[in-house]
C-alpha atoms as a PDB file:
ATOM      1  CA  MET A   1      11.128  30.291  41.805  1.00  0.00           C
ATOM      2  CA  ASP A   2       9.609  26.825  42.242  1.00  0.00           C
ATOM      3  CA  TYR A   3       6.475  27.910  40.389  1.00  0.00           C
ATOM      4  CA  LEU A   4       8.559  29.122  37.474  1.00  0.00           C
ATOM      5  CA  ILE A   5      10.312  25.765  37.176  1.00  0.00           C
ATOM      6  CA  VAL A   6       6.998  23.897  37.287  1.00  0.00           C
ATOM      7  CA  PHE A   7       5.484  26.272  34.725  1.00  0.00           C
ATOM      8  CA  VAL A   8       8.420  26.031  32.299  1.00  0.00           C
ATOM      9  CA  THR A   9       8.570  22.243  32.617  1.00  0.00           C
ATOM     10  CA  THR A  10       4.819  21.910  32.066  1.00  0.00           C
ATOM     11  CA  VAL A  11       4.843  24.168  29.007  1.00  0.00           C
ATOM     12  CA  ALA A  12       7.842  22.330  27.545  1.00  0.00           C
ATOM     13  CA  GLY A  13       6.131  18.975  28.130  1.00  0.00           C
ATOM     14  CA  LEU A  14       2.889  20.112  26.539  1.00  0.00           C
ATOM     15  CA  TYR A  15       4.754  21.519  23.540  1.00  0.00           C
ATOM     16  CA  PHE A  16       6.685  18.273  23.107  1.00  0.00           C
ATOM     17  CA  HIS A  17       3.521  16.166  23.278  1.00  0.00           C
ATOM     18  CA  GLY A  18       1.814  18.411  20.731  1.00  0.00           C
ATOM     19  CA  TRP A  19       4.807  18.227  18.412  1.00  0.00           C
ATOM     20  CA  LEU A  20       4.964  14.450  18.768  1.00  0.00           C
ATOM     21  CA  TYR A  21       1.223  14.119  18.076  1.00  0.00           C
ATOM     22  CA  VAL A  22       1.537  16.119  14.849  1.00  0.00           C
ATOM     23  CA  ARG A  23       4.598  14.125  13.726  1.00  0.00           C
ATOM     24  CA  ILE A  24       2.873  10.776  14.332  1.00  0.00           C
ATOM     25  CA  ARG A  25      -0.197  11.910  12.369  1.00  0.00           C
ATOM     26  CA  ARG A  26       2.023  12.936   9.453  1.00  0.00           C
ATOM     27  CA  TRP A  27       3.871   9.605   9.573  1.00  0.00           C
ATOM     28  CA  MET A  28       0.569   7.710   9.571  1.00  0.00           C
ATOM     29  CA  ASP A  29      -0.732   9.701   6.600  1.00  0.00           C
ATOM     30  CA  ARG A  30       2.522   9.139   4.697  1.00  0.00           C
ATOM     31  CA  ASP A  31       2.449   5.432   5.518  1.00  0.00           C
ATOM     32  CA  LEU A  32      -1.133   5.210   4.252  1.00  0.00           C
ATOM     33  CA  ALA A  33      -0.216   6.869   0.966  1.00  0.00           C
ATOM     34  CA  LEU A  34       2.805   4.621   0.489  1.00  0.00           C
ATOM     35  CA  SER A  35       0.867   1.476   1.369  1.00  0.00           C
ATOM     36  CA  LEU A  36      -1.662   2.295  -1.343  1.00  0.00           C
ATOM     37  CA  ALA A  37       1.202   2.686  -3.824  1.00  0.00           C
ATOM     38  CA  GLY A  38       2.772  -0.717  -3.289  1.00  0.00           C
ATOM     39  CA  LYS A  39       6.288  -1.247  -4.624  1.00  0.00           C
ATOM     40  CA  ASP A  40       5.909   0.800  -7.818  1.00  0.00           C
ATOM     41  CA  GLU A  41       8.324   3.746  -7.488  1.00  0.00           C
ATOM     42  CA  GLY A  42       6.368   5.890  -9.925  1.00  0.00           C
ATOM     43  CA  LYS A  43       3.161   5.315  -8.030  1.00  0.00           C
ATOM     44  CA  ARG A  44       4.907   5.998  -4.696  1.00  0.00           C
ATOM     45  CA  THR A  45       6.028   9.389  -5.983  1.00  0.00           C
ATOM     46  CA  PHE A  46       2.551  10.033  -7.358  1.00  0.00           C
ATOM     47  CA  MET A  47       0.891   9.145  -4.050  1.00  0.00           C
ATOM     48  CA  LEU A  48       3.218  11.405  -2.060  1.00  0.00           C
ATOM     49  CA  GLU A  49       2.342  14.226  -4.461  1.00  0.00           C
ATOM     50  CA  GLN A  50      -1.333  13.444  -3.949  1.00  0.00           C
ATOM     51  CA  LEU A  51      -0.848  13.537  -0.183  1.00  0.00           C
ATOM     52  CA  ALA A  52       0.760  16.966  -0.495  1.00  0.00           C
ATOM     53  CA  ASP A  53      -2.127  18.043  -2.713  1.00  0.00           C
ATOM     54  CA  ALA A  54      -4.645  16.772  -0.134  1.00  0.00           C
ATOM     55  CA  ARG A  55      -2.901  18.798   2.560  1.00  0.00           C
ATOM     56  CA  ALA A  56      -2.940  21.879   0.314  1.00  0.00           C
ATOM     57  CA  GLN A  57      -6.671  21.392  -0.304  1.00  0.00           C
ATOM     58  CA  LYS A  58      -7.159  20.862   3.445  1.00  0.00           C
ATOM     59  CA  VAL A  59      -8.902  17.517   3.027  1.00  0.00           C
ATOM     60  CA  LYS A  60     -10.243  16.471   6.412  1.00  0.00           C
ATOM     61  CA  ARG A  61      -8.367  13.644   8.041  1.00  0.00           C
ATOM     62  CA  ARG A  62     -11.440  11.406   8.224  1.00  0.00           C
ATOM     63  CA  ASP A  63     -11.879  11.800   4.448  1.00  0.00           C
ATOM     64  CA  LEU A  64      -8.212  11.284   3.624  1.00  0.00           C
ATOM     65  CA  PRO A  65      -8.272   7.469   3.175  1.00  0.00           C
ATOM     66  CA  GLN A  66     -11.099   7.641   0.629  1.00  0.00           C
ATOM     67  CA  TRP A  67      -9.443  10.590  -1.095  1.00  0.00           C
ATOM     68  CA  LEU A  68      -6.143   8.744  -1.404  1.00  0.00           C
ATOM     69  CA  GLU A  69      -7.853   5.538  -2.577  1.00  0.00           C
ATOM     70  CA  ALA A  70      -9.575   7.516  -5.331  1.00  0.00           C
ATOM     71  CA  ALA A  71      -6.218   9.049  -6.304  1.00  0.00           C
ATOM     72  CA  ALA A  72      -4.629   5.585  -6.388  1.00  0.00           C
ATOM     73  CA  ALA A  73      -7.450   4.322  -8.606  1.00  0.00           C
ATOM     74  CA  GLY A  74      -6.877   7.299 -10.895  1.00  0.00           C
ATOM     75  CA  TYR A  75      -3.240   6.290 -11.253  1.00  0.00           C
ATOM     76  CA  LEU A  76      -4.248   2.804 -12.395  1.00  0.00           C
ATOM     77  CA  ALA A  77      -6.318   4.357 -15.164  1.00  0.00           C
ATOM     78  CA  ARG A  78      -3.219   5.968 -16.678  1.00  0.00           C
END
């Protein structure tokens, strides 16, 4: 019975840490997109859409800042 408790607790802890890691990465990506948008509400909406598009295209995380900066520059051209 003791092994079962240790196993369940360990699995629950690992799951929680994995969930927390994913949430923090998403928050950081969202914060990056919003920081590139500034205070312009239209651009904020645009950048969140671009972030969703980057996720759909499976842009690698290391390439995401450059990808979002290019998207932000494209908004300025409008």
